[in-house]
Amino acid sequence: MRILIDWVLDIPFRMTSRAGTRPDERLQRAHFEPGDEVIRQGDEGETAYVITSGRVEVLQDGKKLGELGDGDSFVKSPSSAS
């Protein structure tokens, strides 16, 4: 039981340490124009995006998979690289 409790309590701290130590390293604002690529297929990195206004097309191998809009979010992590 103690191991389970230690593991559960460790999760928020592990996530915090990966996010960086300074607030400006963890949260940044970016602006993209129509036609700009936010992430290219195969790129590596650990970044989370939240769309505050506008629309984003989700493409894979040049095919449109869907669209995201205001309030939607997505994450680019090394494990999701194709």
PDB file of N, CA and C in Angstrom:
ATOM      1  N   MET A   1       0.823  -1.188   0.000  1.00  0.00           N
ATOM      2  CA  MET A   1       0.000   0.000   0.000  1.00  0.00           C
ATOM      3  C   MET A   1       0.870   1.256   0.000  1.00  0.00           C
ATOM      4  N   ARG A   2       1.960   1.225   0.753  1.00  0.00           N
ATOM      5  CA  ARG A   2       2.829   2.399   0.819  1.00  0.00           C
ATOM      6  C   ARG A   2       3.465   2.703  -0.529  1.00  0.00           C
ATOM      7  N   ILE A   3       3.842   1.669  -1.259  1.00  0.00           N
ATOM      8  CA  ILE A   3       4.435   1.863  -2.577  1.00  0.00           C
ATOM      9  C   ILE A   3       3.423   2.531  -3.507  1.00  0.00           C
ATOM     10  N   LEU A   4       2.183   2.096  -3.445  1.00  0.00           N
ATOM     11  CA  LEU A   4       1.139   2.684  -4.265  1.00  0.00           C
ATOM     12  C   LEU A   4       0.950   4.164  -3.925  1.00  0.00           C
ATOM     13  N   ILE A   5       0.915   4.482  -2.645  1.00  0.00           N
ATOM     14  CA  ILE A   5       0.757   5.874  -2.212  1.00  0.00           C
ATOM     15  C   ILE A   5       1.954   6.711  -2.672  1.00  0.00           C
ATOM     16  N   ASP A   6       3.179   6.191  -2.506  1.00  0.00           N
ATOM     17  CA  ASP A   6       4.369   6.911  -2.960  1.00  0.00           C
ATOM     18  C   ASP A   6       4.320   7.163  -4.465  1.00  0.00           C
ATOM     19  N   TRP A   7       3.892   6.164  -5.213  1.00  0.00           N
ATOM     20  CA  TRP A   7       3.820   6.290  -6.666  1.00  0.00           C
ATOM     21  C   TRP A   7       2.801   7.350  -7.070  1.00  0.00           C
ATOM     22  N   VAL A   8       1.624   7.327  -6.461  1.00  0.00           N
ATOM     23  CA  VAL A   8       0.575   8.295  -6.785  1.00  0.00           C
ATOM     24  C   VAL A   8       1.014   9.713  -6.420  1.00  0.00           C
ATOM     25  N   LEU A   9       1.657   9.890  -5.278  1.00  0.00           N
ATOM     26  CA  LEU A   9       2.107  11.219  -4.861  1.00  0.00           C
ATOM     27  C   LEU A   9       3.273  11.723  -5.704  1.00  0.00           C
ATOM     28  N   ASP A  10       4.016  10.823  -6.313  1.00  0.00           N
ATOM     29  CA  ASP A  10       5.171  11.197  -7.128  1.00  0.00           C
ATOM     30  C   ASP A  10       4.763  11.757  -8.487  1.00  0.00           C
ATOM     31  N   ILE A  11       3.615  11.394  -9.007  1.00  0.00           N
ATOM     32  CA  ILE A  11       3.199  11.793 -10.354  1.00  0.00           C
ATOM     33  C   ILE A  11       3.195  13.312 -10.547  1.00  0.00           C
ATOM     34  N   PRO A  12       2.551  14.106  -9.694  1.00  0.00           N
ATOM     35  CA  PRO A  12       2.556  15.558  -9.949  1.00  0.00           C
ATOM     36  C   PRO A  12       3.946  16.174  -9.902  1.00  0.00           C
ATOM     37  N   PHE A  13       4.814  15.656  -9.045  1.00  0.00           N
ATOM     38  CA  PHE A  13       6.157  16.208  -8.932  1.00  0.00           C
ATOM     39  C   PHE A  13       7.007  15.838 -10.140  1.00  0.00           C
ATOM     40  N   ARG A  14       6.829  14.649 -10.657  1.00  0.00           N
ATOM     41  CA  ARG A  14       7.552  14.216 -11.844  1.00  0.00           C
ATOM     42  C   ARG A  14       7.137  15.078 -13.031  1.00  0.00           C
ATOM     43  N   MET A  15       5.856  15.369 -13.173  1.00  0.00           N
ATOM     44  CA  MET A  15       5.363  16.183 -14.272  1.00  0.00           C
ATOM     45  C   MET A  15       5.869  17.621 -14.141  1.00  0.00           C
ATOM     46  N   THR A  16       5.926  18.145 -12.926  1.00  0.00           N
ATOM     47  CA  THR A  16       6.408  19.498 -12.694  1.00  0.00           C
ATOM     48  C   THR A  16       7.879  19.617 -13.056  1.00  0.00           C
ATOM     49  N   SER A  17       8.682  18.641 -12.686  1.00  0.00           N
ATOM     50  CA  SER A  17      10.113  18.724 -12.964  1.00  0.00           C
ATOM     51  C   SER A  17      10.391  18.633 -14.460  1.00  0.00           C
ATOM     52  N   ARG A  18       9.580  17.923 -15.219  1.00  0.00           N
ATOM     53  CA  ARG A  18       9.776  17.838 -16.660  1.00  0.00           C
ATOM     54  C   ARG A  18       9.365  19.134 -17.346  1.00  0.00           C
ATOM     55  N   ALA A  19       8.455  19.874 -16.737  1.00  0.00           N
ATOM     56  CA  ALA A  19       7.940  21.083 -17.373  1.00  0.00           C
ATOM     57  C   ALA A  19       8.914  22.256 -17.276  1.00  0.00           C
ATOM     58  N   GLY A  20       9.926  22.153 -16.444  1.00  0.00           N
ATOM     59  CA  GLY A  20      10.878  23.253 -16.293  1.00  0.00           C
ATOM     60  C   GLY A  20      10.732  23.885 -14.918  1.00  0.00           C
ATOM     61  N   THR A  21      11.682  24.727 -14.593  1.00  0.00           N
ATOM     62  CA  THR A  21      11.668  25.318 -13.265  1.00  0.00           C
ATOM     63  C   THR A  21      11.144  26.743 -13.260  1.00  0.00           C
ATOM     64  N   ARG A  22      11.236  27.430 -14.402  1.00  0.00           N
ATOM     65  CA  ARG A  22      10.751  28.805 -14.473  1.00  0.00           C
ATOM     66  C   ARG A  22       9.406  28.841 -15.189  1.00  0.00           C
ATOM     67  N   PRO A  23       8.478  29.680 -14.721  1.00  0.00           N
ATOM     68  CA  PRO A  23       7.167  29.754 -15.374  1.00  0.00           C
ATOM     69  C   PRO A  23       7.244  30.101 -16.857  1.00  0.00           C
ATOM     70  N   ASP A  24       8.193  30.971 -17.255  1.00  0.00           N
ATOM     71  CA  ASP A  24       8.280  31.336 -18.665  1.00  0.00           C
ATOM     72  C   ASP A  24       8.802  30.188 -19.528  1.00  0.00           C
ATOM     73  N   GLU A  25       9.412  29.163 -18.920  1.00  0.00           N
ATOM     74  CA  GLU A  25       9.819  27.977 -19.669  1.00  0.00           C
ATOM     75  C   GLU A  25       8.634  27.044 -19.878  1.00  0.00           C
ATOM     76  N   ARG A  26       7.657  27.107 -19.011  1.00  0.00           N
ATOM     77  CA  ARG A  26       6.521  26.195 -19.078  1.00  0.00           C
ATOM     78  C   ARG A  26       5.367  26.735 -19.900  1.00  0.00           C
ATOM     79  N   LEU A  27       5.191  28.046 -19.919  1.00  0.00           N
ATOM     80  CA  LEU A  27       4.036  28.632 -20.575  1.00  0.00           C
ATOM     81  C   LEU A  27       4.474  29.793 -21.444  1.00  0.00           C
ATOM     82  N   GLN A  28       4.222  29.669 -22.732  1.00  0.00           N
ATOM     83  CA  GLN A  28       4.593  30.725 -23.658  1.00  0.00           C
ATOM     84  C   GLN A  28       3.447  30.923 -24.644  1.00  0.00           C
ATOM     85  N   ARG A  29       3.317  32.128 -25.131  1.00  0.00           N
ATOM     86  CA  ARG A  29       2.299  32.447 -26.129  1.00  0.00           C
ATOM     87  C   ARG A  29       2.976  32.484 -27.497  1.00  0.00           C
ATOM     88  N   ALA A  30       2.308  31.918 -28.497  1.00  0.00           N
ATOM     89  CA  ALA A  30       2.824  31.931 -29.868  1.00  0.00           C
ATOM     90  C   ALA A  30       1.688  32.311 -30.808  1.00  0.00           C
ATOM     91  N   HIS A  31       2.040  32.923 -31.917  1.00  0.00           N
ATOM     92  CA  HIS A  31       1.047  33.327 -32.911  1.00  0.00           C
ATOM     93  C   HIS A  31       1.420  32.692 -34.249  1.00  0.00           C
ATOM     94  N   PHE A  32       0.454  32.062 -34.892  1.00  0.00           N
ATOM     95  CA  PHE A  32       0.680  31.436 -36.188  1.00  0.00           C
ATOM     96  C   PHE A  32      -0.290  32.030 -37.201  1.00  0.00           C
ATOM     97  N   GLU A  33       0.193  32.242 -38.397  1.00  0.00           N
ATOM     98  CA  GLU A  33      -0.616  32.760 -39.503  1.00  0.00           C
ATOM     99  C   GLU A  33      -1.161  31.594 -40.324  1.00  0.00           C
ATOM    100  N   PRO A  34      -2.234  31.830 -41.087  1.00  0.00           N
ATOM    101  CA  PRO A  34      -2.743  30.774 -41.968  1.00  0.00           C
ATOM    102  C   PRO A  34      -1.627  30.248 -42.873  1.00  0.00           C
ATOM    103  N   GLY A  35      -1.533  28.931 -42.964  1.00  0.00           N
ATOM    104  CA  GLY A  35      -0.497  28.294 -43.774  1.00  0.00           C
ATOM    105  C   GLY A  35       0.762  27.939 -43.012  1.00  0.00           C
ATOM    106  N   ASP A  36       0.952  28.509 -41.802  1.00  0.00           N
ATOM    107  CA  ASP A  36       2.122  28.172 -40.988  1.00  0.00           C
ATOM    108  C   ASP A  36       2.000  26.740 -40.478  1.00  0.00           C
ATOM    109  N   GLU A  37       3.127  26.032 -40.435  1.00  0.00           N
ATOM    110  CA  GLU A  37       3.160  24.700 -39.841  1.00  0.00           C
ATOM    111  C   GLU A  37       3.511  24.843 -38.369  1.00  0.00           C
ATOM    112  N   VAL A  38       2.696  24.256 -37.504  1.00  0.00           N
ATOM    113  CA  VAL A  38       2.974  24.281 -36.063  1.00  0.00           C
ATOM    114  C   VAL A  38       3.918  23.136 -35.734  1.00  0.00           C
ATOM    115  N   ILE A  39       3.592  21.948 -36.229  1.00  0.00           N
ATOM    116  CA  ILE A  39       4.415  20.753 -36.025  1.00  0.00           C
ATOM    117  C   ILE A  39       4.483  20.010 -37.351  1.00  0.00           C
ATOM    118  N   ARG A  40       5.665  19.562 -37.702  1.00  0.00           N
ATOM    119  CA  ARG A  40       5.817  18.718 -38.886  1.00  0.00           C
ATOM    120  C   ARG A  40       5.854  17.260 -38.448  1.00  0.00           C
ATOM    121  N   GLN A  41       5.299  16.403 -39.267  1.00  0.00           N
ATOM    122  CA  GLN A  41       5.302  14.982 -38.962  1.00  0.00           C
ATOM    123  C   GLN A  41       6.740  14.512 -38.780  1.00  0.00           C
ATOM    124  N   GLY A  42       7.005  13.819 -37.670  1.00  0.00           N
ATOM    125  CA  GLY A  42       8.342  13.314 -37.372  1.00  0.00           C
ATOM    126  C   GLY A  42       9.173  14.218 -36.490  1.00  0.00           C
ATOM    127  N   ASP A  43       8.719  15.482 -36.258  1.00  0.00           N
ATOM    128  CA  ASP A  43       9.449  16.382 -35.362  1.00  0.00           C
ATOM    129  C   ASP A  43       9.468  15.801 -33.955  1.00  0.00           C
ATOM    130  N   GLU A  44      10.556  16.086 -33.213  1.00  0.00           N
ATOM    131  CA  GLU A  44      10.632  15.668 -31.825  1.00  0.00           C
ATOM    132  C   GLU A  44      10.519  16.883 -30.923  1.00  0.00           C
ATOM    133  N   GLY A  45      10.057  16.656 -29.706  1.00  0.00           N
ATOM    134  CA  GLY A  45       9.945  17.723 -28.728  1.00  0.00           C
ATOM    135  C   GLY A  45       8.837  17.435 -27.745  1.00  0.00           C
ATOM    136  N   GLU A  46       8.754  18.217 -26.719  1.00  0.00           N
ATOM    137  CA  GLU A  46       7.710  18.076 -25.710  1.00  0.00           C
ATOM    138  C   GLU A  46       7.029  19.426 -25.566  1.00  0.00           C
ATOM    139  N   THR A  47       5.940  19.600 -26.285  1.00  0.00           N
ATOM    140  CA  THR A  47       5.246  20.875 -26.297  1.00  0.00           C
ATOM    141  C   THR A  47       3.747  20.638 -26.262  1.00  0.00           C
ATOM    142  N   ALA A  48       3.059  21.442 -25.477  1.00  0.00           N
ATOM    143  CA  ALA A  48       1.594  21.411 -25.445  1.00  0.00           C
ATOM    144  C   ALA A  48       1.090  22.710 -26.051  1.00  0.00           C
ATOM    145  N   TYR A  49       0.024  22.629 -26.808  1.00  0.00           N
ATOM    146  CA  TYR A  49      -0.571  23.797 -27.452  1.00  0.00           C
ATOM    147  C   TYR A  49      -2.032  23.895 -27.060  1.00  0.00           C
ATOM    148  N   VAL A  50      -2.510  25.111 -26.809  1.00  0.00           N
ATOM    149  CA  VAL A  50      -3.924  25.390 -26.576  1.00  0.00           C
ATOM    150  C   VAL A  50      -4.314  26.465 -27.582  1.00  0.00           C
ATOM    151  N   ILE A  51      -5.367  26.207 -28.325  1.00  0.00           N
ATOM    152  CA  ILE A  51      -5.810  27.161 -29.341  1.00  0.00           C
ATOM    153  C   ILE A  51      -6.722  28.176 -28.676  1.00  0.00           C
ATOM    154  N   THR A  52      -6.295  29.446 -28.681  1.00  0.00           N
ATOM    155  CA  THR A  52      -7.110  30.489 -28.053  1.00  0.00           C
ATOM    156  C   THR A  52      -8.064  31.125 -29.048  1.00  0.00           C
ATOM    157  N   SER A  53      -7.692  31.141 -30.322  1.00  0.00           N
ATOM    158  CA  SER A  53      -8.616  31.609 -31.359  1.00  0.00           C
ATOM    159  C   SER A  53      -8.138  31.095 -32.701  1.00  0.00           C
ATOM    160  N   GLY A  54      -9.083  30.810 -33.569  1.00  0.00           N
ATOM    161  CA  GLY A  54      -8.749  30.325 -34.899  1.00  0.00           C
ATOM    162  C   GLY A  54      -9.002  28.838 -35.046  1.00  0.00           C
ATOM    163  N   ARG A  55      -8.538  28.282 -36.152  1.00  0.00           N
ATOM    164  CA  ARG A  55      -8.726  26.876 -36.472  1.00  0.00           C
ATOM    165  C   ARG A  55      -7.388  26.288 -36.907  1.00  0.00           C
ATOM    166  N   VAL A  56      -7.197  24.999 -36.638  1.00  0.00           N
ATOM    167  CA  VAL A  56      -5.981  24.283 -37.017  1.00  0.00           C
ATOM    168  C   VAL A  56      -6.386  23.003 -37.726  1.00  0.00           C
ATOM    169  N   GLU A  57      -5.815  22.768 -38.889  1.00  0.00           N
ATOM    170  CA  GLU A  57      -6.041  21.504 -39.589  1.00  0.00           C
ATOM    171  C   GLU A  57      -5.044  20.478 -39.083  1.00  0.00           C
ATOM    172  N   VAL A  58      -5.516  19.253 -38.892  1.00  0.00           N
ATOM    173  CA  VAL A  58      -4.653  18.149 -38.485  1.00  0.00           C
ATOM    174  C   VAL A  58      -4.423  17.295 -39.729  1.00  0.00           C
ATOM    175  N   LEU A  59      -3.148  17.227 -40.166  1.00  0.00           N
ATOM    176  CA  LEU A  59      -2.794  16.493 -41.373  1.00  0.00           C
ATOM    177  C   LEU A  59      -1.824  15.371 -41.048  1.00  0.00           C
ATOM    178  N   GLN A  60      -1.948  14.273 -41.767  1.00  0.00           N
ATOM    179  CA  GLN A  60      -0.966  13.199 -41.669  1.00  0.00           C
ATOM    180  C   GLN A  60      -0.746  12.668 -43.071  1.00  0.00           C
ATOM    181  N   ASP A  61       0.506  12.638 -43.499  1.00  0.00           N
ATOM    182  CA  ASP A  61       0.857  12.229 -44.860  1.00  0.00           C
ATOM    183  C   ASP A  61       0.070  13.022 -45.893  1.00  0.00           C
ATOM    184  N   GLY A  62      -0.150  14.321 -45.618  1.00  0.00           N
ATOM    185  CA  GLY A  62      -0.841  15.198 -46.544  1.00  0.00           C
ATOM    186  C   GLY A  62      -2.352  15.073 -46.564  1.00  0.00           C
ATOM    187  N   LYS A  63      -2.909  14.162 -45.771  1.00  0.00           N
ATOM    188  CA  LYS A  63      -4.360  13.976 -45.723  1.00  0.00           C
ATOM    189  C   LYS A  63      -4.930  14.637 -44.474  1.00  0.00           C
ATOM    190  N   LYS A  64      -6.035  15.341 -44.625  1.00  0.00           N
ATOM    191  CA  LYS A  64      -6.672  16.016 -43.503  1.00  0.00           C
ATOM    192  C   LYS A  64      -7.395  14.990 -42.631  1.00  0.00           C
ATOM    193  N   LEU A  65      -6.984  14.938 -41.348  1.00  0.00           N
ATOM    194  CA  LEU A  65      -7.609  14.024 -40.391  1.00  0.00           C
ATOM    195  C   LEU A  65      -8.719  14.694 -39.605  1.00  0.00           C
ATOM    196  N   GLY A  66      -8.630  15.999 -39.459  1.00  0.00           N
ATOM    197  CA  GLY A  66      -9.624  16.721 -38.675  1.00  0.00           C
ATOM    198  C   GLY A  66      -9.232  18.175 -38.529  1.00  0.00           C
ATOM    199  N   GLU A  67      -9.947  18.831 -37.652  1.00  0.00           N
ATOM    200  CA  GLU A  67      -9.726  20.253 -37.415  1.00  0.00           C
ATOM    201  C   GLU A  67      -9.931  20.538 -35.934  1.00  0.00           C
ATOM    202  N   LEU A  68      -9.116  21.427 -35.382  1.00  0.00           N
ATOM    203  CA  LEU A  68      -9.230  21.852 -33.993  1.00  0.00           C
ATOM    204  C   LEU A  68      -9.540  23.337 -33.972  1.00  0.00           C
ATOM    205  N   GLY A  69     -10.215  23.786 -32.901  1.00  0.00           N
ATOM    206  CA  GLY A  69     -10.571  25.196 -32.802  1.00  0.00           C
ATOM    207  C   GLY A  69     -10.445  25.727 -31.392  1.00  0.00           C
ATOM    208  N   ASP A  70     -11.056  26.882 -31.153  1.00  0.00           N
ATOM    209  CA  ASP A  70     -10.972  27.577 -29.865  1.00  0.00           C
ATOM    210  C   ASP A  70     -11.160  26.621 -28.688  1.00  0.00           C
ATOM    211  N   GLY A  71     -10.203  26.647 -27.763  1.00  0.00           N
ATOM    212  CA  GLY A  71     -10.280  25.834 -26.550  1.00  0.00           C
ATOM    213  C   GLY A  71      -9.725  24.431 -26.701  1.00  0.00           C
ATOM    214  N   ASP A  72      -9.503  23.965 -27.930  1.00  0.00           N
ATOM    215  CA  ASP A  72      -8.926  22.634 -28.132  1.00  0.00           C
ATOM    216  C   ASP A  72      -7.439  22.670 -27.804  1.00  0.00           C
ATOM    217  N   SER A  73      -6.886  21.511 -27.494  1.00  0.00           N
ATOM    218  CA  SER A  73      -5.464  21.423 -27.189  1.00  0.00           C
ATOM    219  C   SER A  73      -4.887  20.160 -27.813  1.00  0.00           C
ATOM    220  N   PHE A  74      -3.567  20.177 -27.981  1.00  0.00           N
ATOM    221  CA  PHE A  74      -2.871  19.002 -28.477  1.00  0.00           C
ATOM    222  C   PHE A  74      -1.441  19.028 -27.943  1.00  0.00           C
ATOM    223  N   VAL A  75      -0.816  17.855 -27.908  1.00  0.00           N
ATOM    224  CA  VAL A  75       0.522  17.717 -27.343  1.00  0.00           C
ATOM    225  C   VAL A  75       1.419  17.045 -28.364  1.00  0.00           C
ATOM    226  N   LYS A  76       2.610  17.547 -28.484  1.00  0.00           N
ATOM    227  CA  LYS A  76       3.635  16.923 -29.309  1.00  0.00           C
ATOM    228  C   LYS A  76       4.694  16.385 -28.375  1.00  0.00           C
ATOM    229  N   SER A  77       4.856  15.077 -28.364  1.00  0.00           N
ATOM    230  CA  SER A  77       5.873  14.478 -27.511  1.00  0.00           C
ATOM    231  C   SER A  77       6.708  13.507 -28.334  1.00  0.00           C
ATOM    232  N   PRO A  78       7.919  13.185 -27.865  1.00  0.00           N
ATOM    233  CA  PRO A  78       8.774  12.269 -28.624  1.00  0.00           C
ATOM    234  C   PRO A  78       8.094  10.940 -28.913  1.00  0.00           C
ATOM    235  N   SER A  79       7.271  10.453 -28.009  1.00  0.00           N
ATOM    236  CA  SER A  79       6.637   9.149 -28.209  1.00  0.00           C
ATOM    237  C   SER A  79       5.576   9.175 -29.291  1.00  0.00           C
ATOM    238  N   SER A  80       5.094  10.377 -29.718  1.00  0.00           N
ATOM    239  CA  SER A  80       4.070  10.434 -30.744  1.00  0.00           C
ATOM    240  C   SER A  80       4.659  10.670 -32.124  1.00  0.00           C
ATOM    241  N   ALA A  81       5.992  10.697 -32.226  1.00  0.00           N
ATOM    242  CA  ALA A  81       6.624  10.917 -33.527  1.00  0.00           C
ATOM    243  C   ALA A  81       6.361   9.728 -34.434  1.00  0.00           C
ATOM    244  N   SER A  82       6.041  10.011 -35.712  1.00  0.00           N
ATOM    245  CA  SER A  82       5.772   8.947 -36.682  1.00  0.00           C
ATOM    246  C   SER A  82       6.921   8.808 -37.633  1.00  0.00           C
TER     247      SER A  82
END
